[in-house]
Amino acid sequence: MRPFWHLPTTNSSKPSTAYDSLALLAVLVASLFLLAACGDATDDASGADQPNLDGSEADADADGDSNDDADAPSTSSTTSTSSPSTTSTTAATTSSTTTSSSSTTTTTTTTTTTTSVPPVTEEQLAAPQPTVVETLPDGTPMFDLGQPGPDGSPQEVRIRIESRVDDFASADLAQTMMAILNDPRSWPRAGFTFVADDTATYQVILAEGPEVDQLCLPLRTGSFASCQNGPIVALNASRWRSAVDHWDAELADYRGYLVNHEVGHLIGQRHPVPRCPFPGAAAAVMEQQTGGLAGCTGNAWPRDWEIALAARRPVVYAPIPAWGPDPRPTNVGEPQ
């Protein structure tokens, strides 16, 4: 008898049972190979999408980190801080996996939470802005009063600048002071520009401690501090040379603070309370940072709320020590 896999040698029109079995077996084998090949192709397609997905998520994280507020502690979400409101946004993340037979998309919806900082009223910040010149009982004016106008209206302040110490020339002092006072971070934000003028009524004098003490009377500076007294700003030369022991920034920053603080008094700004709103906050420029930081960090530039105060009109120029209305400005310490 022939083996069943041998083909018949007759010309019969009806295939043999052995022939049918062989054909069916061949079809089954071919189908199995085809299914295996399709499975490999599907696996390759799913893996090809993954690097793109990972790359997109990495880019989203990098963009989110770049928008973090530099002063804010790092968090897993993107946080931007501004005044008068604080906005926190969790970036939306979308991941997709696609195969030849199905598509699945998972989406996390963007969620935005806004926390409004209550507006600071004028009563909280300081006493009402004077509209007439106040006088002492003997008729002595307590200050000069600028022209009325809308808040932030331009004000030019001309200052005579003089150094009475050998190691700082008047011209160099004037150049340094004008760079500080006209810096965009300083009082120009409230509408002020400053001009060095040898004929000006208002004067800044850099002098040694004993002379500063005399220029500041009746204020007591103890040959250590500086002051503003009517039309005169007296800067202590020792502080200009070496700042103070507790200062936590550069000498140039202290000089910036000293100039902005004392000239801030010349344009009617007062010491705020409390001295430091919370530990680690940047000090208000009108805080008495020479006497201690009280938990704040040294700062040379007016805070936003200080700019808002200085923008009020008319400006109180060159107040004498007797002028000191209540309430004092409140150090609100908003993030910056």
Protein backbone atom coordinates (compact mmCIF):
# COMPACT_ATOMS: atom_id res chain seq x y z
CA MET A 1 0.00 0.00 0.00
CA ARG A 2 1.28 3.53 -0.80
CA PRO A 3 1.86 6.05 2.03
CA PHE A 4 -1.12 8.41 2.37
CA TRP A 5 0.93 11.50 1.47
CA HIS A 6 1.78 10.20 -2.00
CA LEU A 7 -0.41 11.82 -4.62
CA PRO A 8 -2.54 9.49 -6.72
CA THR A 9 -1.23 8.66 -10.21
CA THR A 10 -4.69 8.37 -11.76
CA ASN A 11 -6.54 11.06 -13.63
CA SER A 12 -9.65 10.68 -11.47
CA SER A 13 -11.69 13.90 -11.23
CA LYS A 14 -12.45 13.30 -7.50
CA PRO A 15 -9.53 14.08 -5.14
CA SER A 16 -8.53 11.40 -2.73
CA THR A 17 -9.15 11.68 1.03
CA ALA A 18 -5.37 11.84 1.63
CA TYR A 19 -5.04 14.80 -0.74
CA ASP A 20 -7.81 16.74 1.04
CA SER A 21 -6.14 16.18 4.42
CA LEU A 22 -2.81 17.46 3.16
CA ALA A 23 -4.35 20.61 1.70
CA LEU A 24 -6.24 21.39 4.90
CA LEU A 25 -3.09 20.93 6.94
CA ALA A 26 -1.20 23.37 4.70
CA VAL A 27 -3.92 26.02 5.09
CA LEU A 28 -3.87 25.71 8.88
CA VAL A 29 -0.10 26.05 9.03
CA ALA A 30 -0.16 29.14 6.79
CA SER A 31 -2.87 30.74 8.95
CA LEU A 32 -0.85 30.23 12.11
CA PHE A 33 2.21 31.90 10.55
CA LEU A 34 0.08 34.85 9.37
CA LEU A 35 -1.45 35.40 12.82
CA ALA A 36 1.99 35.35 14.45
CA ALA A 37 3.30 37.90 11.97
CA CYS A 38 0.33 40.25 12.62
CA GLY A 39 0.92 40.06 16.39
CA ASP A 40 4.58 41.13 15.97
CA ALA A 41 3.52 44.07 13.81
CA THR A 42 0.98 45.20 16.41
CA ASP A 43 3.60 45.10 19.20
CA ASP A 44 5.99 47.19 17.09
CA ALA A 45 3.31 49.82 16.43
CA SER A 46 2.50 50.26 20.18
CA GLY A 47 6.18 50.65 21.13
CA ALA A 48 6.77 53.27 18.41
CA ASP A 49 4.28 55.68 20.08
CA GLN A 50 5.85 55.47 23.56
CA PRO A 51 9.04 57.50 22.94
CA ASN A 52 6.95 60.36 21.53
CA LEU A 53 4.63 60.26 24.55
CA ASP A 54 7.53 60.32 27.01
CA GLY A 55 9.15 63.18 25.14
CA SER A 56 5.96 65.27 25.27
CA GLU A 57 5.62 64.81 29.03
CA ALA A 58 9.24 65.79 29.58
CA ASP A 59 8.75 69.00 27.56
CA ALA A 60 5.63 69.84 29.56
CA ASP A 61 7.51 69.45 32.86
CA ALA A 62 10.34 71.63 31.62
CA ASP A 63 7.93 74.37 30.52
CA GLY A 64 6.10 74.20 33.84
CA ASP A 65 9.30 74.53 35.86
CA SER A 66 10.37 77.54 33.80
CA ASN A 67 7.19 79.37 34.79
CA ASP A 68 7.62 78.83 38.52
CA ASP A 69 7.84 81.81 40.50
CA ALA A 70 11.46 82.21 41.38
CA ASP A 71 10.52 83.14 44.96
CA ALA A 72 8.07 80.59 45.63
CA PRO A 73 8.89 77.15 46.98
CA SER A 74 9.02 74.45 44.36
CA THR A 75 5.83 72.40 43.99
CA SER A 76 4.52 69.75 41.62
CA SER A 77 2.23 72.29 39.97
CA THR A 78 2.96 75.50 38.09
CA THR A 79 2.38 78.51 40.35
CA SER A 80 2.56 82.15 39.35
CA THR A 81 2.28 84.86 41.96
CA SER A 82 1.26 88.43 41.34
CA SER A 83 -0.32 91.29 43.21
CA PRO A 84 -3.18 91.63 44.01
CA SER A 85 -4.06 88.01 43.25
CA THR A 86 -2.29 84.65 43.39
CA THR A 87 -3.03 82.04 40.71
CA SER A 88 -2.08 78.34 40.85
CA THR A 89 -2.49 76.20 37.73
CA THR A 90 -1.99 72.44 37.32
CA ALA A 91 -0.99 71.84 33.71
CA ALA A 92 -3.19 69.45 31.70
CA THR A 93 -1.48 66.15 30.79
CA THR A 94 -2.68 64.01 27.89
CA SER A 95 -1.37 60.52 27.13
CA SER A 96 -2.37 58.37 24.12
CA THR A 97 -1.71 54.73 23.21
CA THR A 98 -2.64 53.60 19.69
CA THR A 99 -2.64 50.08 18.17
CA SER A 100 -3.85 48.69 14.87
CA SER A 101 -7.12 47.60 16.44
CA SER A 102 -7.96 50.17 19.20
CA SER A 103 -7.17 53.68 20.50
CA THR A 104 -7.20 54.76 24.18
CA THR A 105 -6.85 58.39 25.35
CA THR A 106 -6.53 59.50 28.99
CA THR A 107 -6.92 63.22 29.73
CA THR A 108 -6.48 65.16 32.99
CA THR A 109 -8.53 68.36 32.82
CA THR A 110 -6.78 71.66 33.59
CA THR A 111 -7.79 72.99 37.01
CA THR A 112 -7.24 76.66 37.92
CA THR A 113 -7.56 77.98 41.46
CA THR A 114 -7.38 81.73 42.10
CA THR A 115 -6.92 83.19 45.56
CA SER A 116 -7.54 86.92 45.73
CA VAL A 117 -5.52 89.03 48.15
CA PRO A 118 -7.90 91.50 49.83
CA PRO A 119 -7.26 95.05 48.60
CA VAL A 120 -5.38 97.25 51.02
CA THR A 121 -7.39 100.35 51.81
CA GLU A 122 -5.93 103.80 52.21
CA GLU A 123 -6.86 103.70 55.90
CA GLN A 124 -4.79 100.55 56.33
CA LEU A 125 -1.83 102.01 54.51
CA ALA A 126 -1.47 105.50 55.93
CA ALA A 127 -3.14 108.71 56.99
CA PRO A 128 -4.97 110.67 54.30
CA GLN A 129 -2.73 112.65 51.98
CA PRO A 130 -2.54 116.34 53.03
CA THR A 131 -4.06 118.84 50.63
CA VAL A 132 -2.81 121.98 52.41
CA VAL A 133 0.48 122.80 54.12
CA GLU A 134 0.30 122.05 57.83
CA THR A 135 2.13 124.36 60.24
CA LEU A 136 3.49 124.39 63.78
CA PRO A 137 1.83 126.68 66.33
CA ASP A 138 4.42 129.36 65.52
CA GLY A 139 3.49 129.18 61.83
CA THR A 140 6.52 127.12 60.69
CA PRO A 141 5.57 124.95 57.70
CA MET A 142 5.90 121.22 58.36
CA PHE A 143 6.57 120.37 54.71
CA ASP A 144 6.47 121.61 51.14
CA LEU A 145 3.44 120.56 49.14
CA GLY A 146 3.61 119.56 45.49
CA GLN A 147 1.05 120.35 42.84
CA PRO A 148 -2.26 118.47 42.90
CA GLY A 149 -2.89 115.96 40.17
CA PRO A 150 -3.87 112.38 39.44
CA ASP A 151 -2.01 109.63 41.26
CA GLY A 152 1.32 108.84 39.64
CA SER A 153 1.52 112.13 37.75
CA PRO A 154 5.12 113.06 36.82
CA GLN A 155 7.23 114.76 39.48
CA GLU A 156 10.77 116.07 38.92
CA VAL A 157 12.90 116.33 42.05
CA ARG A 158 16.10 118.33 41.85
CA ILE A 159 18.77 117.55 44.45
CA ARG A 160 22.13 119.12 45.30
CA ILE A 161 24.58 116.33 46.16
CA GLU A 162 27.72 116.98 48.20
CA SER A 163 30.39 114.74 49.70
CA ARG A 164 32.21 116.14 52.73
CA VAL A 165 34.60 113.19 53.09
CA ASP A 166 37.90 112.74 51.31
CA ASP A 167 37.40 109.22 49.95
CA PHE A 168 34.25 109.94 47.89
CA ALA A 169 34.09 112.76 45.37
CA SER A 170 30.84 114.69 45.05
CA ALA A 171 30.65 113.92 41.33
CA ASP A 172 31.01 110.17 41.96
CA LEU A 173 28.42 110.29 44.74
CA ALA A 174 26.00 112.15 42.46
CA GLN A 175 26.48 109.61 39.67
CA THR A 176 25.85 106.69 42.03
CA MET A 177 22.80 108.33 43.60
CA MET A 178 21.19 109.24 40.28
CA ALA A 179 21.68 105.67 39.03
CA ILE A 180 19.90 104.36 42.13
CA LEU A 181 17.07 106.90 42.26
CA ASN A 182 16.25 106.71 38.55
CA ASP A 183 16.47 102.92 38.39
CA PRO A 184 13.18 101.49 37.02
CA ARG A 185 12.81 99.51 40.26
CA SER A 186 12.84 102.65 42.37
CA TRP A 187 10.60 105.71 42.85
CA PRO A 188 10.16 106.33 39.09
CA ARG A 189 7.49 103.63 39.32
CA ALA A 190 5.50 106.22 41.32
CA GLY A 191 6.09 108.99 38.76
CA PHE A 192 9.32 110.52 40.09
CA THR A 193 12.45 111.49 38.20
CA PHE A 194 15.52 112.88 39.95
CA VAL A 195 18.04 115.43 38.68
CA ALA A 196 21.39 116.38 40.20
CA ASP A 197 21.43 120.18 40.43
CA ASP A 198 24.06 122.24 42.28
CA THR A 199 21.52 125.04 42.84
CA ALA A 200 18.67 122.88 44.18
CA THR A 201 16.95 123.56 47.52
CA TYR A 202 16.91 119.90 48.54
CA GLN A 203 20.33 118.58 49.46
CA VAL A 204 22.05 115.23 50.13
CA ILE A 205 25.22 115.42 52.21
CA LEU A 206 27.63 112.52 52.82
CA ALA A 207 29.53 113.24 56.04
CA GLU A 208 31.20 111.66 59.04
CA GLY A 209 29.11 110.67 62.05
CA PRO A 210 29.52 113.78 64.26
CA GLU A 211 28.57 116.13 61.43
CA VAL A 212 25.57 113.95 60.54
CA ASP A 213 24.48 114.17 64.18
CA GLN A 214 24.42 117.97 63.93
CA LEU A 215 22.61 118.01 60.58
CA CYS A 216 19.92 115.66 61.91
CA LEU A 217 19.00 117.48 65.16
CA PRO A 218 16.53 117.19 66.85
CA LEU A 219 16.73 113.59 65.58
CA ARG A 220 19.34 111.51 67.39
CA THR A 221 21.60 109.50 65.07
CA GLY A 222 24.38 108.55 67.50
CA SER A 223 27.16 108.96 64.92
CA PHE A 224 25.80 105.75 63.43
CA ALA A 225 22.56 106.32 61.50
CA SER A 226 21.54 108.61 58.65
CA CYS A 227 18.48 110.84 58.41
CA GLN A 228 16.21 113.18 56.46
CA ASN A 229 15.53 116.47 58.19
CA GLY A 230 13.45 118.95 56.22
CA PRO A 231 15.28 119.81 52.98
CA ILE A 232 18.45 117.91 54.01
CA VAL A 233 19.31 114.22 53.70
CA ALA A 234 22.43 113.38 55.73
CA LEU A 235 24.18 110.08 54.96
CA ASN A 236 26.60 108.60 57.47
CA ALA A 237 29.92 107.95 55.68
CA SER A 238 30.73 104.89 57.80
CA ARG A 239 27.49 103.24 56.70
CA TRP A 240 28.24 104.16 53.08
CA ARG A 241 31.67 102.54 53.36
CA SER A 242 30.78 99.29 55.10
CA ALA A 243 27.00 98.97 55.63
CA VAL A 244 26.13 97.22 58.95
CA ASP A 245 27.14 93.90 60.45
CA HIS A 246 23.74 92.24 60.06
CA TRP A 247 23.35 93.18 56.38
CA ASP A 248 22.75 90.00 54.34
CA ALA A 249 23.41 91.30 50.82
CA GLU A 250 26.10 93.22 48.93
CA LEU A 251 27.41 96.67 49.88
CA ALA A 252 25.91 98.08 46.66
CA ASP A 253 22.50 96.81 47.81
CA TYR A 254 22.88 98.55 51.16
CA ARG A 255 23.78 101.80 49.44
CA GLY A 256 20.70 101.38 47.27
CA TYR A 257 18.58 100.88 50.38
CA LEU A 258 20.15 103.88 52.15
CA VAL A 259 19.54 106.25 49.23
CA ASN A 260 16.02 105.03 48.45
CA HIS A 261 15.07 105.07 52.15
CA GLU A 262 16.29 108.56 53.01
CA VAL A 263 15.17 110.16 49.75
CA GLY A 264 11.91 108.26 50.28
CA HIS A 265 11.49 110.38 53.43
CA LEU A 266 12.26 113.48 51.36
CA ILE A 267 9.23 112.67 49.17
CA GLY A 268 6.98 112.10 52.17
CA GLN A 269 7.28 108.36 52.88
CA ARG A 270 7.32 107.10 56.48
CA HIS A 271 8.49 104.05 58.44
CA PRO A 272 5.90 101.25 58.27
CA VAL A 273 4.64 98.98 61.03
CA PRO A 274 5.33 96.20 61.70
CA ARG A 275 9.05 96.23 60.97
CA CYS A 276 8.84 92.83 59.23
CA PRO A 277 5.52 91.28 58.19
CA PHE A 278 6.78 87.68 58.36
CA PRO A 279 10.18 85.96 58.59
CA GLY A 280 12.04 85.70 55.31
CA ALA A 281 10.06 88.41 53.52
CA ALA A 282 11.95 91.07 51.59
CA ALA A 283 12.02 94.15 53.79
CA ALA A 284 10.09 97.25 52.81
CA VAL A 285 12.58 99.89 51.70
CA MET A 286 11.08 102.27 54.27
CA GLU A 287 11.77 99.80 57.09
CA GLN A 288 14.67 100.90 59.30
CA GLN A 289 17.00 98.21 57.99
CA THR A 290 20.11 99.89 59.41
CA GLY A 291 18.78 99.17 62.89
CA GLY A 292 18.07 95.49 62.16
CA LEU A 293 16.16 93.29 59.74
CA ALA A 294 13.79 91.85 62.38
CA GLY A 295 13.46 88.59 60.44
CA CYS A 296 13.12 90.09 56.97
CA THR A 297 15.81 90.02 54.28
CA GLY A 298 17.68 93.12 53.16
CA ASN A 299 16.06 94.95 50.26
CA ALA A 300 17.05 98.06 48.30
CA TRP A 301 13.85 98.73 46.35
CA PRO A 302 10.34 99.96 47.21
CA ARG A 303 7.67 97.27 47.45
CA ASP A 304 4.50 97.51 45.36
CA TRP A 305 2.43 98.93 48.21
CA GLU A 306 5.13 101.53 48.91
CA ILE A 307 4.97 102.60 45.27
CA ALA A 308 1.19 102.93 45.59
CA LEU A 309 1.67 105.22 48.59
CA ALA A 310 4.34 107.32 46.88
CA ALA A 311 2.09 107.74 43.83
CA ARG A 312 -0.48 109.72 45.84
CA ARG A 313 -0.77 113.41 45.02
CA PRO A 314 -0.04 116.10 46.03
CA VAL A 315 3.42 115.04 47.20
CA VAL A 316 4.60 115.95 50.70
CA TYR A 317 8.18 117.16 50.19
CA ALA A 318 10.89 117.69 52.82
CA PRO A 319 8.84 117.10 55.99
CA ILE A 320 10.32 118.16 59.31
CA PRO A 321 10.54 115.58 62.16
CA ALA A 322 7.45 117.03 63.87
CA TRP A 323 5.27 115.90 60.95
CA GLY A 324 4.15 112.35 61.63
CA PRO A 325 0.43 111.69 61.21
CA ASP A 326 -1.21 108.50 62.38
CA PRO A 327 -1.90 105.81 61.38
CA ARG A 328 1.54 104.77 60.25
CA PRO A 329 1.81 102.89 56.95
CA THR A 330 1.06 99.18 57.38
CA ASN A 331 3.76 96.80 56.18
CA VAL A 332 1.47 94.41 54.29
CA GLY A 333 4.37 92.34 52.97
CA GLU A 334 2.70 91.03 49.82
CA PRO A 335 4.72 88.50 47.73
CA GLN A 336 6.96 90.08 45.02
